[in-house]
Amino acid sequence: MKPILELLPEELPGEGYRKAQIAHWLYARGAMDFSEMTDLPKSLREALAGEWRISEFALVEAYPSRDGSVKYLFTLLDGRKTEAVYMPYENRKTVCLSSMVGCPAGCTFCATGALGFGRNLTAAEILSQLLAIAHHQGISPRDIRNVVLMGMGEPLLNLGNVLKAIRIMLHPKGLAMSPRRITLSTVGIPKGIYRLAEEDLGVRLALSLHAPDDETRRKIIPTAHRYSVGEILEAVRHYYARTKRRVTFEYTLLKGLNDHPWQARLLAKLLKGISAHVNLIPFNPWEGAPVKGTPKAGILAFAEELRRLGIPTSIRFSRGQDVGAACGQLALKAPKALTFTPTLEGAGQ
């Protein structure tokens, strides 16, 4: 059986307006079975079911946090696993999606990096995370208006599949999302940043920098020796010149490593001339982590120094920490002593 979510709406099976009907069932009504597509002829539904599949998962497990967010653990059809996080806010619903099984970057503060690299996810597997979350939340996929590709993996090392998934998210007959509500996060792959600039899909770029100097960055990100901070920022400057879109710089503060005042001053100097916003991220602890987070007073002082130097800065407190769903905690582990039956009420309506 072939994955139907690999297809753009105009590539879907069926003749004429049937393609649009199928797309509407998938992306607006959230159908998880072809038998639900009741305005299609029975013969077409049977033909679709015999050749195509909608879901890319053998099992979906959901773990709700006290703060309202939900961690989803997906078992893929080949038995591998990946994760995503659903984060409902008062005026929006956001999902954090994965682009890989595991991650090759190996960031010392990140539990996902400790897993190592498993494999790339297909475009269908990326999209299927969003559709499965919508189904289990009992909402339309189009009710989810914000996507951050900040889960497992390095999106720019799987850019072909990521871009295909994004194009379906943006497609007016797909998820019909605004490009400004899709954020792609990277640890800093210059070749991918250049390509993203040329594709110019309108999505937002977030760079996980975590240090303003090469020596410190290599301690935090073992694979950072491949590209210097200078090379990465040169690509980011090209991206900004090409797209005129503000770039977010993600910076996880680690005690005694990257939280010194001189590093705040150097970071501010590096960002001059770029429309930038710095997100300072308190470290979210996980079992076996080799680093410790900067205390609150140090975080506030680092933020104040950046603001004093004219850099827009915010402190981002992650949600879902109690179920291992916060930034840097995704590690394919189910929380202990926690059961949850996802609501199916309203699914596909």
C-alpha atoms as a PDB file:
ATOM      1  CA  MET A   1       0.000   0.000   0.000  1.00  0.00           C
ATOM      2  CA  LYS A   2       1.211   3.490  -0.865  1.00  0.00           C
ATOM      3  CA  PRO A   3       1.160   6.561   1.417  1.00  0.00           C
ATOM      4  CA  ILE A   4      -1.478   8.967   0.134  1.00  0.00           C
ATOM      5  CA  LEU A   5      -0.069  11.817   2.232  1.00  0.00           C
ATOM      6  CA  GLU A   6       2.979  11.898  -0.060  1.00  0.00           C
ATOM      7  CA  LEU A   7       0.812  13.445  -2.776  1.00  0.00           C
ATOM      8  CA  LEU A   8       0.029  17.103  -3.347  1.00  0.00           C
ATOM      9  CA  PRO A   9      -3.752  17.701  -3.606  1.00  0.00           C
ATOM     10  CA  GLU A  10      -3.592  17.922  -7.410  1.00  0.00           C
ATOM     11  CA  GLU A  11      -1.746  14.593  -7.521  1.00  0.00           C
ATOM     12  CA  LEU A  12      -4.373  12.683  -5.531  1.00  0.00           C
ATOM     13  CA  PRO A  13      -6.147   9.753  -7.243  1.00  0.00           C
ATOM     14  CA  GLY A  14      -9.531  10.243  -8.841  1.00  0.00           C
ATOM     15  CA  GLU A  15     -10.816  12.284 -11.740  1.00  0.00           C
ATOM     16  CA  GLY A  16     -11.710  15.971 -11.773  1.00  0.00           C
ATOM     17  CA  TYR A  17     -13.373  17.244  -8.610  1.00  0.00           C
ATOM     18  CA  ARG A  18     -12.872  13.892  -6.848  1.00  0.00           C
ATOM     19  CA  LYS A  19      -9.302  14.949  -6.046  1.00  0.00           C
ATOM     20  CA  ALA A  20     -10.600  18.007  -4.201  1.00  0.00           C
ATOM     21  CA  GLN A  21     -13.128  15.865  -2.329  1.00  0.00           C
ATOM     22  CA  ILE A  22     -10.416  13.474  -1.157  1.00  0.00           C
ATOM     23  CA  ALA A  23      -8.182  16.386  -0.117  1.00  0.00           C
ATOM     24  CA  HIS A  24     -11.067  17.915   1.849  1.00  0.00           C
ATOM     25  CA  TRP A  25     -11.683  14.633   3.686  1.00  0.00           C
ATOM     26  CA  LEU A  26      -7.988  14.286   4.548  1.00  0.00           C
ATOM     27  CA  TYR A  27      -7.044  17.818   5.523  1.00  0.00           C
ATOM     28  CA  ALA A  28     -10.295  19.537   6.536  1.00  0.00           C
ATOM     29  CA  ARG A  29     -12.353  16.700   7.997  1.00  0.00           C
ATOM     30  CA  GLY A  30      -9.472  14.543   9.194  1.00  0.00           C
ATOM     31  CA  ALA A  31     -10.712  11.208   7.835  1.00  0.00           C
ATOM     32  CA  MET A  32      -8.520   8.307   8.928  1.00  0.00           C
ATOM     33  CA  ASP A  33     -10.266   5.671   6.795  1.00  0.00           C
ATOM     34  CA  PHE A  34     -11.498   5.814   3.190  1.00  0.00           C
ATOM     35  CA  SER A  35     -14.847   4.373   4.274  1.00  0.00           C
ATOM     36  CA  GLU A  36     -15.564   7.719   5.996  1.00  0.00           C
ATOM     37  CA  MET A  37     -15.500   9.554   2.638  1.00  0.00           C
ATOM     38  CA  THR A  38     -19.214   9.072   2.128  1.00  0.00           C
ATOM     39  CA  ASP A  39     -19.694  11.455  -0.796  1.00  0.00           C
ATOM     40  CA  LEU A  40     -17.335   9.341  -2.928  1.00  0.00           C
ATOM     41  CA  PRO A  41     -18.743   6.408  -4.923  1.00  0.00           C
ATOM     42  CA  LYS A  42     -18.383   3.117  -3.082  1.00  0.00           C
ATOM     43  CA  SER A  43     -16.291   1.717  -5.942  1.00  0.00           C
ATOM     44  CA  LEU A  44     -13.807   4.582  -5.596  1.00  0.00           C
ATOM     45  CA  ARG A  45     -13.606   4.180  -1.808  1.00  0.00           C
ATOM     46  CA  GLU A  46     -12.865   0.478  -2.228  1.00  0.00           C
ATOM     47  CA  ALA A  47     -10.264   1.179  -4.918  1.00  0.00           C
ATOM     48  CA  LEU A  48      -8.562   3.747  -2.683  1.00  0.00           C
ATOM     49  CA  ALA A  49      -8.530   1.371   0.296  1.00  0.00           C
ATOM     50  CA  GLY A  50      -6.961  -1.337  -1.838  1.00  0.00           C
ATOM     51  CA  GLU A  51      -4.081   0.817  -3.040  1.00  0.00           C
ATOM     52  CA  TRP A  52      -3.468   3.621  -0.546  1.00  0.00           C
ATOM     53  CA  ARG A  53      -3.081   4.148   3.200  1.00  0.00           C
ATOM     54  CA  ILE A  54      -3.764   7.293   5.245  1.00  0.00           C
ATOM     55  CA  SER A  55      -1.973   6.669   8.545  1.00  0.00           C
ATOM     56  CA  GLU A  56       1.767   6.011   8.764  1.00  0.00           C
ATOM     57  CA  PHE A  57       1.577   4.616  12.285  1.00  0.00           C
ATOM     58  CA  ALA A  58       1.058   1.167  13.743  1.00  0.00           C
ATOM     59  CA  LEU A  59       0.396   2.652  17.197  1.00  0.00           C
ATOM     60  CA  VAL A  60      -0.253   6.111  18.651  1.00  0.00           C
ATOM     61  CA  GLU A  61       0.183   6.721  22.391  1.00  0.00           C
ATOM     62  CA  ALA A  62      -0.750   9.992  24.098  1.00  0.00           C
ATOM     63  CA  TYR A  63       0.570  11.367  27.410  1.00  0.00           C
ATOM     64  CA  PRO A  64      -1.102  14.532  28.745  1.00  0.00           C
ATOM     65  CA  SER A  65       0.743  17.100  30.820  1.00  0.00           C
ATOM     66  CA  ARG A  66      -0.698  19.034  33.738  1.00  0.00           C
ATOM     67  CA  ASP A  67      -0.302  22.220  31.659  1.00  0.00           C
ATOM     68  CA  GLY A  68      -2.649  20.965  28.921  1.00  0.00           C
ATOM     69  CA  SER A  69      -0.041  19.946  26.371  1.00  0.00           C
ATOM     70  CA  VAL A  70       0.130  16.319  25.202  1.00  0.00           C
ATOM     71  CA  LYS A  71       3.143  14.255  24.168  1.00  0.00           C
ATOM     72  CA  TYR A  72       2.476  11.763  21.380  1.00  0.00           C
ATOM     73  CA  LEU A  73       4.624   8.686  20.879  1.00  0.00           C
ATOM     74  CA  PHE A  74       4.265   7.177  17.394  1.00  0.00           C
ATOM     75  CA  THR A  75       5.283   3.675  16.382  1.00  0.00           C
ATOM     76  CA  LEU A  76       5.999   3.786  12.656  1.00  0.00           C
ATOM     77  CA  LEU A  77       5.095   0.978  10.289  1.00  0.00           C
ATOM     78  CA  ASP A  78       8.673  -0.362  10.355  1.00  0.00           C
ATOM     79  CA  GLY A  79       8.649  -0.464  14.171  1.00  0.00           C
ATOM     80  CA  ARG A  80      10.761   2.656  14.671  1.00  0.00           C
ATOM     81  CA  LYS A  81       9.446   5.425  16.921  1.00  0.00           C
ATOM     82  CA  THR A  82       9.228   9.195  16.876  1.00  0.00           C
ATOM     83  CA  GLU A  83       7.431  11.874  18.882  1.00  0.00           C
ATOM     84  CA  ALA A  84       5.432  15.081  18.587  1.00  0.00           C
ATOM     85  CA  VAL A  85       3.856  17.514  21.042  1.00  0.00           C
ATOM     86  CA  TYR A  86       0.430  19.184  21.000  1.00  0.00           C
ATOM     87  CA  MET A  87       0.271  22.575  22.735  1.00  0.00           C
ATOM     88  CA  PRO A  88      -3.136  24.264  22.992  1.00  0.00           C
ATOM     89  CA  TYR A  89      -3.206  27.945  23.862  1.00  0.00           C
ATOM     90  CA  GLU A  90      -6.134  30.282  24.423  1.00  0.00           C
ATOM     91  CA  ASN A  91      -6.117  31.616  20.861  1.00  0.00           C
ATOM     92  CA  ARG A  92      -4.219  28.969  18.894  1.00  0.00           C
ATOM     93  CA  LYS A  93      -3.311  25.301  18.678  1.00  0.00           C
ATOM     94  CA  THR A  94       0.338  24.450  18.013  1.00  0.00           C
ATOM     95  CA  VAL A  95       2.096  21.190  17.209  1.00  0.00           C
ATOM     96  CA  CYS A  96       5.815  20.467  17.473  1.00  0.00           C
ATOM     97  CA  LEU A  97       6.656  17.893  14.804  1.00  0.00           C
ATOM     98  CA  SER A  98       9.653  15.626  14.238  1.00  0.00           C
ATOM     99  CA  SER A  99      11.558  15.237  10.976  1.00  0.00           C
ATOM    100  CA  MET A 100      13.645  12.206  11.972  1.00  0.00           C
ATOM    101  CA  VAL A 101      13.835   9.187  14.222  1.00  0.00           C
ATOM    102  CA  GLY A 102      16.453  10.374  16.706  1.00  0.00           C
ATOM    103  CA  CYS A 103      18.922  13.100  15.726  1.00  0.00           C
ATOM    104  CA  PRO A 104      22.510  13.207  14.419  1.00  0.00           C
ATOM    105  CA  ALA A 105      23.429  16.582  15.970  1.00  0.00           C
ATOM    106  CA  GLY A 106      24.251  15.151  19.418  1.00  0.00           C
ATOM    107  CA  CYS A 107      23.652  18.354  21.432  1.00  0.00           C
ATOM    108  CA  THR A 108      24.789  17.657  24.998  1.00  0.00           C
ATOM    109  CA  PHE A 109      21.711  19.282  26.568  1.00  0.00           C
ATOM    110  CA  CYS A 110      19.257  17.318  24.421  1.00  0.00           C
ATOM    111  CA  ALA A 111      17.904  13.862  25.248  1.00  0.00           C
ATOM    112  CA  THR A 112      17.051  13.297  21.572  1.00  0.00           C
ATOM    113  CA  GLY A 113      20.680  13.838  20.617  1.00  0.00           C
ATOM    114  CA  ALA A 114      21.683  11.114  23.083  1.00  0.00           C
ATOM    115  CA  LEU A 115      19.620   8.635  21.058  1.00  0.00           C
ATOM    116  CA  GLY A 116      21.717   9.094  17.925  1.00  0.00           C
ATOM    117  CA  PHE A 117      20.350   9.048  14.382  1.00  0.00           C
ATOM    118  CA  GLY A 118      17.773   6.461  13.328  1.00  0.00           C
ATOM    119  CA  ARG A 119      16.480   7.552   9.923  1.00  0.00           C
ATOM    120  CA  ASN A 120      14.766  10.382   8.082  1.00  0.00           C
ATOM    121  CA  LEU A 121      10.984  10.612   8.171  1.00  0.00           C
ATOM    122  CA  THR A 122       9.092  10.752   4.903  1.00  0.00           C
ATOM    123  CA  ALA A 123       6.835  13.684   4.049  1.00  0.00           C
ATOM    124  CA  ALA A 124       3.862  11.411   4.771  1.00  0.00           C
ATOM    125  CA  GLU A 125       5.227  10.516   8.223  1.00  0.00           C
ATOM    126  CA  ILE A 126       5.731  14.205   9.043  1.00  0.00           C
ATOM    127  CA  LEU A 127       2.177  15.110   7.984  1.00  0.00           C
ATOM    128  CA  SER A 128       0.711  12.015   9.625  1.00  0.00           C
ATOM    129  CA  GLN A 129       1.852  13.305  13.029  1.00  0.00           C
ATOM    130  CA  LEU A 130      -0.374  16.373  12.658  1.00  0.00           C
ATOM    131  CA  LEU A 131      -3.344  14.412  11.329  1.00  0.00           C
ATOM    132  CA  ALA A 132      -3.081  11.814  14.107  1.00  0.00           C
ATOM    133  CA  ILE A 133      -2.925  14.528  16.778  1.00  0.00           C
ATOM    134  CA  ALA A 134      -5.988  16.272  15.321  1.00  0.00           C
ATOM    135  CA  HIS A 135      -7.863  12.950  15.181  1.00  0.00           C
ATOM    136  CA  HIS A 136      -7.094  12.090  18.795  1.00  0.00           C
ATOM    137  CA  GLN A 137      -7.948  15.611  19.949  1.00  0.00           C
ATOM    138  CA  GLY A 138     -11.274  15.431  18.135  1.00  0.00           C
ATOM    139  CA  ILE A 139     -10.588  18.500  15.992  1.00  0.00           C
ATOM    140  CA  SER A 140     -10.123  19.246  12.307  1.00  0.00           C
ATOM    141  CA  PRO A 141      -6.487  19.225  11.103  1.00  0.00           C
ATOM    142  CA  ARG A 142      -7.109  22.791   9.939  1.00  0.00           C
ATOM    143  CA  ASP A 143      -7.818  23.824  13.529  1.00  0.00           C
ATOM    144  CA  ILE A 144      -4.072  23.436  14.105  1.00  0.00           C
ATOM    145  CA  ARG A 145      -2.703  26.725  12.781  1.00  0.00           C
ATOM    146  CA  ASN A 146       0.859  26.724  14.124  1.00  0.00           C
ATOM    147  CA  VAL A 147       3.571  24.194  13.317  1.00  0.00           C
ATOM    148  CA  VAL A 148       7.108  24.156  14.667  1.00  0.00           C
ATOM    149  CA  LEU A 149       9.550  21.637  13.211  1.00  0.00           C
ATOM    150  CA  MET A 150      11.498  21.475  16.465  1.00  0.00           C
ATOM    151  CA  GLY A 151      10.909  17.880  17.497  1.00  0.00           C
ATOM    152  CA  MET A 152      13.262  15.016  16.843  1.00  0.00           C
ATOM    153  CA  GLY A 153      15.818  15.515  14.123  1.00  0.00           C
ATOM    154  CA  GLU A 154      17.580  18.172  12.041  1.00  0.00           C
ATOM    155  CA  PRO A 155      15.096  19.341   9.374  1.00  0.00           C
ATOM    156  CA  LEU A 156      17.768  20.747   7.059  1.00  0.00           C
ATOM    157  CA  LEU A 157      19.373  17.298   6.763  1.00  0.00           C
ATOM    158  CA  ASN A 158      16.013  15.951   5.561  1.00  0.00           C
ATOM    159  CA  LEU A 159      15.064  19.015   3.578  1.00  0.00           C
ATOM    160  CA  GLY A 160      13.502  17.316   0.549  1.00  0.00           C
ATOM    161  CA  ASN A 161      10.898  15.519   2.646  1.00  0.00           C
ATOM    162  CA  VAL A 162      10.410  18.506   4.963  1.00  0.00           C
ATOM    163  CA  LEU A 163       9.765  20.864   2.042  1.00  0.00           C
ATOM    164  CA  LYS A 164       7.264  18.446   0.495  1.00  0.00           C
ATOM    165  CA  ALA A 165       5.373  18.260   3.791  1.00  0.00           C
ATOM    166  CA  ILE A 166       5.447  22.055   4.146  1.00  0.00           C
ATOM    167  CA  ARG A 167       4.069  22.526   0.628  1.00  0.00           C
ATOM    168  CA  ILE A 168       1.068  20.365   1.544  1.00  0.00           C
ATOM    169  CA  MET A 169       0.638  22.338   4.787  1.00  0.00           C
ATOM    170  CA  LEU A 170       0.577  25.565   2.743  1.00  0.00           C
ATOM    171  CA  HIS A 171      -1.556  24.280  -0.134  1.00  0.00           C
ATOM    172  CA  PRO A 172      -5.042  25.892  -0.160  1.00  0.00           C
ATOM    173  CA  LYS A 173      -6.565  22.427  -0.674  1.00  0.00           C
ATOM    174  CA  GLY A 174      -4.217  20.904   1.879  1.00  0.00           C
ATOM    175  CA  LEU A 175      -3.922  22.288   5.402  1.00  0.00           C
ATOM    176  CA  ALA A 176      -4.208  25.867   4.043  1.00  0.00           C
ATOM    177  CA  MET A 177      -1.760  27.232   6.624  1.00  0.00           C
ATOM    178  CA  SER A 178      -0.114  30.648   6.662  1.00  0.00           C
ATOM    179  CA  PRO A 179       3.639  30.342   5.994  1.00  0.00           C
ATOM    180  CA  ARG A 180       4.288  32.765   8.846  1.00  0.00           C
ATOM    181  CA  ARG A 181       2.842  30.178  11.223  1.00  0.00           C
ATOM    182  CA  ILE A 182       5.346  27.472  10.265  1.00  0.00           C
ATOM    183  CA  THR A 183       8.765  27.588  11.930  1.00  0.00           C
ATOM    184  CA  LEU A 184      11.670  25.430  10.844  1.00  0.00           C
ATOM    185  CA  SER A 185      14.429  24.986  13.414  1.00  0.00           C
ATOM    186  CA  THR A 186      18.016  24.082  12.536  1.00  0.00           C
ATOM    187  CA  VAL A 187      21.235  23.567  14.435  1.00  0.00           C
ATOM    188  CA  GLY A 188      22.949  25.402  11.569  1.00  0.00           C
ATOM    189  CA  ILE A 189      23.443  23.680   8.190  1.00  0.00           C
ATOM    190  CA  PRO A 190      24.613  26.445   5.800  1.00  0.00           C
ATOM    191  CA  LYS A 191      23.789  24.553   2.592  1.00  0.00           C
ATOM    192  CA  GLY A 192      20.239  23.975   3.823  1.00  0.00           C
ATOM    193  CA  ILE A 193      19.829  27.615   4.904  1.00  0.00           C
ATOM    194  CA  TYR A 194      20.886  28.788   1.429  1.00  0.00           C
ATOM    195  CA  ARG A 195      18.420  26.419  -0.197  1.00  0.00           C
ATOM    196  CA  LEU A 196      15.637  27.492   2.141  1.00  0.00           C
ATOM    197  CA  ALA A 197      16.325  31.097   1.164  1.00  0.00           C
ATOM    198  CA  GLU A 198      16.035  30.276  -2.532  1.00  0.00           C
ATOM    199  CA  GLU A 199      12.862  28.230  -2.059  1.00  0.00           C
ATOM    200  CA  ASP A 200      11.387  31.255  -0.243  1.00  0.00           C
ATOM    201  CA  LEU A 201       8.236  29.516   0.971  1.00  0.00           C
ATOM    202  CA  GLY A 202       7.655  32.256   3.517  1.00  0.00           C
ATOM    203  CA  VAL A 203       8.205  30.054   6.578  1.00  0.00           C
ATOM    204  CA  ARG A 204      10.105  31.236   9.615  1.00  0.00           C
ATOM    205  CA  LEU A 205      13.687  30.180  10.378  1.00  0.00           C
ATOM    206  CA  ALA A 206      14.914  29.450  13.896  1.00  0.00           C
ATOM    207  CA  LEU A 207      18.626  28.852  14.453  1.00  0.00           C
ATOM    208  CA  SER A 208      19.728  26.837  17.476  1.00  0.00           C
ATOM    209  CA  LEU A 209      22.985  28.689  18.064  1.00  0.00           C
ATOM    210  CA  HIS A 210      23.552  28.075  21.819  1.00  0.00           C
ATOM    211  CA  ALA A 211      26.969  29.796  21.816  1.00  0.00           C
ATOM    212  CA  PRO A 212      28.512  32.816  20.061  1.00  0.00           C
ATOM    213  CA  ASP A 213      32.017  31.339  19.791  1.00  0.00           C
ATOM    214  CA  ASP A 214      33.255  28.161  18.142  1.00  0.00           C
ATOM    215  CA  GLU A 215      35.113  26.759  21.151  1.00  0.00           C
ATOM    216  CA  THR A 216      32.053  26.820  23.404  1.00  0.00           C
ATOM    217  CA  ARG A 217      29.698  25.693  20.674  1.00  0.00           C
ATOM    218  CA  ARG A 218      31.756  22.575  19.991  1.00  0.00           C
ATOM    219  CA  LYS A 219      31.511  21.623  23.659  1.00  0.00           C
ATOM    220  CA  ILE A 220      27.725  21.897  23.481  1.00  0.00           C
ATOM    221  CA  ILE A 221      27.229  20.502  19.958  1.00  0.00           C
ATOM    222  CA  PRO A 222      29.877  17.871  19.140  1.00  0.00           C
ATOM    223  CA  THR A 223      29.053  17.984  15.408  1.00  0.00           C
ATOM    224  CA  ALA A 224      29.538  21.778  15.304  1.00  0.00           C
ATOM    225  CA  HIS A 225      33.112  21.338  14.107  1.00  0.00           C
ATOM    226  CA  ARG A 226      31.719  20.907  10.578  1.00  0.00           C
ATOM    227  CA  TYR A 227      30.605  24.526  10.347  1.00  0.00           C
ATOM    228  CA  SER A 228      31.932  27.579  12.167  1.00  0.00           C
ATOM    229  CA  VAL A 229      29.700  30.192  13.722  1.00  0.00           C
ATOM    230  CA  GLY A 230      30.952  32.555  11.021  1.00  0.00           C
ATOM    231  CA  GLU A 231      29.896  30.224   8.188  1.00  0.00           C
ATOM    232  CA  ILE A 232      26.457  29.711   9.716  1.00  0.00           C
ATOM    233  CA  LEU A 233      25.866  33.433  10.250  1.00  0.00           C
ATOM    234  CA  GLU A 234      27.008  34.170   6.699  1.00  0.00           C
ATOM    235  CA  ALA A 235      24.252  31.827   5.478  1.00  0.00           C
ATOM    236  CA  VAL A 236      21.758  33.470   7.851  1.00  0.00           C
ATOM    237  CA  ARG A 237      22.699  36.930   6.532  1.00  0.00           C
ATOM    238  CA  HIS A 238      22.081  35.661   3.008  1.00  0.00           C
ATOM    239  CA  TYR A 239      18.733  34.265   4.125  1.00  0.00           C
ATOM    240  CA  TYR A 240      17.759  37.594   5.658  1.00  0.00           C
ATOM    241  CA  ALA A 241      18.935  39.576   2.610  1.00  0.00           C
ATOM    242  CA  ARG A 242      16.973  37.267   0.316  1.00  0.00           C
ATOM    243  CA  THR A 243      13.746  36.975   2.321  1.00  0.00           C
ATOM    244  CA  LYS A 244      13.721  40.048   4.630  1.00  0.00           C
ATOM    245  CA  ARG A 245      12.278  37.786   7.328  1.00  0.00           C
ATOM    246  CA  ARG A 246      13.308  37.990  10.952  1.00  0.00           C
ATOM    247  CA  VAL A 247      15.380  35.075  12.205  1.00  0.00           C
ATOM    248  CA  THR A 248      14.901  33.614  15.685  1.00  0.00           C
ATOM    249  CA  PHE A 249      18.031  32.532  17.550  1.00  0.00           C
ATOM    250  CA  GLU A 250      17.438  29.741  20.069  1.00  0.00           C
ATOM    251  CA  TYR A 251      19.871  29.729  22.976  1.00  0.00           C
ATOM    252  CA  THR A 252      19.697  27.146  25.780  1.00  0.00           C
ATOM    253  CA  LEU A 253      21.497  28.525  28.828  1.00  0.00           C
ATOM    254  CA  LEU A 254      23.870  26.066  30.498  1.00  0.00           C
ATOM    255  CA  LYS A 255      25.579  26.769  33.804  1.00  0.00           C
ATOM    256  CA  GLY A 256      29.204  27.828  33.391  1.00  0.00           C
ATOM    257  CA  LEU A 257      29.276  27.038  29.674  1.00  0.00           C
ATOM    258  CA  ASN A 258      27.496  29.662  27.609  1.00  0.00           C
ATOM    259  CA  ASP A 259      25.986  32.033  30.182  1.00  0.00           C
ATOM    260  CA  HIS A 260      28.860  34.483  30.797  1.00  0.00           C
ATOM    261  CA  PRO A 261      28.329  38.241  30.254  1.00  0.00           C
ATOM    262  CA  TRP A 262      31.073  38.336  27.605  1.00  0.00           C
ATOM    263  CA  GLN A 263      29.153  35.725  25.620  1.00  0.00           C
ATOM    264  CA  ALA A 264      26.012  37.883  25.730  1.00  0.00           C
ATOM    265  CA  ARG A 265      28.059  40.824  24.434  1.00  0.00           C
ATOM    266  CA  LEU A 266      29.621  38.737  21.672  1.00  0.00           C
ATOM    267  CA  LEU A 267      26.222  37.359  20.662  1.00  0.00           C
ATOM    268  CA  ALA A 268      24.823  40.893  20.410  1.00  0.00           C
ATOM    269  CA  LYS A 269      27.786  41.908  18.241  1.00  0.00           C
ATOM    270  CA  LEU A 270      27.282  38.950  15.895  1.00  0.00           C
ATOM    271  CA  LEU A 271      23.599  39.744  15.399  1.00  0.00           C
ATOM    272  CA  LYS A 272      24.097  43.352  14.358  1.00  0.00           C
ATOM    273  CA  GLY A 273      22.612  43.958  10.924  1.00  0.00           C
ATOM    274  CA  ILE A 274      20.234  40.982  11.115  1.00  0.00           C
ATOM    275  CA  SER A 275      16.571  41.321  12.024  1.00  0.00           C
ATOM    276  CA  ALA A 276      16.901  38.909  14.929  1.00  0.00           C
ATOM    277  CA  HIS A 277      15.050  37.834  18.026  1.00  0.00           C
ATOM    278  CA  VAL A 278      16.770  35.763  20.714  1.00  0.00           C
ATOM    279  CA  ASN A 279      14.809  33.069  22.561  1.00  0.00           C
ATOM    280  CA  LEU A 280      16.593  32.136  25.777  1.00  0.00           C
ATOM    281  CA  ILE A 281      15.595  28.615  26.819  1.00  0.00           C
ATOM    282  CA  PRO A 282      16.057  27.386  30.384  1.00  0.00           C
ATOM    283  CA  PHE A 283      17.523  23.876  30.356  1.00  0.00           C
ATOM    284  CA  ASN A 284      14.906  21.150  30.781  1.00  0.00           C
ATOM    285  CA  PRO A 285      16.501  18.341  32.831  1.00  0.00           C
ATOM    286  CA  TRP A 286      16.499  14.696  31.799  1.00  0.00           C
ATOM    287  CA  GLU A 287      18.002  11.559  33.280  1.00  0.00           C
ATOM    288  CA  GLY A 288      21.707  11.227  32.519  1.00  0.00           C
ATOM    289  CA  ALA A 289      22.181  14.767  31.216  1.00  0.00           C
ATOM    290  CA  PRO A 290      25.879  15.796  31.384  1.00  0.00           C
ATOM    291  CA  VAL A 291      25.091  19.508  31.841  1.00  0.00           C
ATOM    292  CA  LYS A 292      23.163  21.740  34.257  1.00  0.00           C
ATOM    293  CA  GLY A 293      20.961  24.709  33.590  1.00  0.00           C
ATOM    294  CA  THR A 294      21.771  28.319  34.415  1.00  0.00           C
ATOM    295  CA  PRO A 295      19.929  29.503  37.560  1.00  0.00           C
ATOM    296  CA  LYS A 296      17.034  31.926  37.097  1.00  0.00           C
ATOM    297  CA  ALA A 297      19.081  34.946  38.196  1.00  0.00           C
ATOM    298  CA  GLY A 298      21.699  34.179  35.540  1.00  0.00           C
ATOM    299  CA  ILE A 299      19.041  33.784  32.856  1.00  0.00           C
ATOM    300  CA  LEU A 300      17.521  37.160  33.735  1.00  0.00           C
ATOM    301  CA  ALA A 301      20.963  38.816  33.755  1.00  0.00           C
ATOM    302  CA  PHE A 302      21.868  37.349  30.338  1.00  0.00           C
ATOM    303  CA  ALA A 303      18.551  38.558  28.906  1.00  0.00           C
ATOM    304  CA  GLU A 304      19.014  42.025  30.361  1.00  0.00           C
ATOM    305  CA  GLU A 305      22.511  42.330  28.855  1.00  0.00           C
ATOM    306  CA  LEU A 306      21.206  41.433  25.393  1.00  0.00           C
ATOM    307  CA  ARG A 307      18.336  43.905  25.692  1.00  0.00           C
ATOM    308  CA  ARG A 308      20.735  46.625  26.878  1.00  0.00           C
ATOM    309  CA  LEU A 309      22.686  46.076  23.679  1.00  0.00           C
ATOM    310  CA  GLY A 310      19.578  46.427  21.523  1.00  0.00           C
ATOM    311  CA  ILE A 311      18.766  42.756  20.854  1.00  0.00           C
ATOM    312  CA  PRO A 312      15.073  41.810  21.211  1.00  0.00           C
ATOM    313  CA  THR A 313      15.081  38.949  23.707  1.00  0.00           C
ATOM    314  CA  SER A 314      12.524  36.708  25.373  1.00  0.00           C
ATOM    315  CA  ILE A 315      12.744  33.793  27.787  1.00  0.00           C
ATOM    316  CA  ARG A 316      10.877  30.726  26.578  1.00  0.00           C
ATOM    317  CA  PHE A 317       9.640  28.372  29.253  1.00  0.00           C
ATOM    318  CA  SER A 318       8.793  25.022  27.649  1.00  0.00           C
ATOM    319  CA  ARG A 319       5.546  23.180  28.255  1.00  0.00           C
ATOM    320  CA  GLY A 320       5.071  19.485  29.022  1.00  0.00           C
ATOM    321  CA  GLN A 321       8.129  19.025  31.230  1.00  0.00           C
ATOM    322  CA  ASP A 322       6.303  16.605  33.550  1.00  0.00           C
ATOM    323  CA  VAL A 323       5.755  14.121  30.707  1.00  0.00           C
ATOM    324  CA  GLY A 324       9.122  14.566  28.973  1.00  0.00           C
ATOM    325  CA  ALA A 325       7.675  16.749  26.226  1.00  0.00           C
ATOM    326  CA  ALA A 326       9.616  19.963  26.835  1.00  0.00           C
ATOM    327  CA  CYS A 327      12.357  21.306  24.576  1.00  0.00           C
ATOM    328  CA  GLY A 328      15.296  18.884  24.618  1.00  0.00           C
ATOM    329  CA  GLN A 329      13.439  16.115  26.467  1.00  0.00           C
ATOM    330  CA  LEU A 330      12.057  13.979  23.611  1.00  0.00           C
ATOM    331  CA  ALA A 331      13.634  10.584  24.159  1.00  0.00           C
ATOM    332  CA  LEU A 332      11.013   7.986  23.126  1.00  0.00           C
ATOM    333  CA  LYS A 333      10.146   7.329  26.763  1.00  0.00           C
ATOM    334  CA  ALA A 334       6.643   6.897  28.115  1.00  0.00           C
ATOM    335  CA  PRO A 335       6.052   8.668  31.440  1.00  0.00           C
ATOM    336  CA  LYS A 336       5.706   6.321  34.380  1.00  0.00           C
ATOM    337  CA  ALA A 337       2.316   5.395  35.836  1.00  0.00           C
ATOM    338  CA  LEU A 338       0.318   7.423  33.333  1.00  0.00           C
ATOM    339  CA  THR A 339      -2.644   6.255  31.312  1.00  0.00           C
ATOM    340  CA  PHE A 340      -4.698   8.210  28.807  1.00  0.00           C
ATOM    341  CA  THR A 341      -7.489   7.422  26.409  1.00  0.00           C
ATOM    342  CA  PRO A 342      -7.500  10.053  23.628  1.00  0.00           C
ATOM    343  CA  THR A 343     -10.905  11.506  22.857  1.00  0.00           C
ATOM    344  CA  LEU A 344     -12.326  10.542  19.498  1.00  0.00           C
ATOM    345  CA  GLU A 345     -15.423  12.682  19.866  1.00  0.00           C
ATOM    346  CA  GLY A 346     -15.916  14.861  16.827  1.00  0.00           C
ATOM    347  CA  ALA A 347     -13.087  13.271  14.855  1.00  0.00           C
ATOM    348  CA  GLY A 348     -13.652  13.578  11.153  1.00  0.00           C
ATOM    349  CA  GLN A 349     -16.602  15.927  11.577  1.00  0.00           C
END
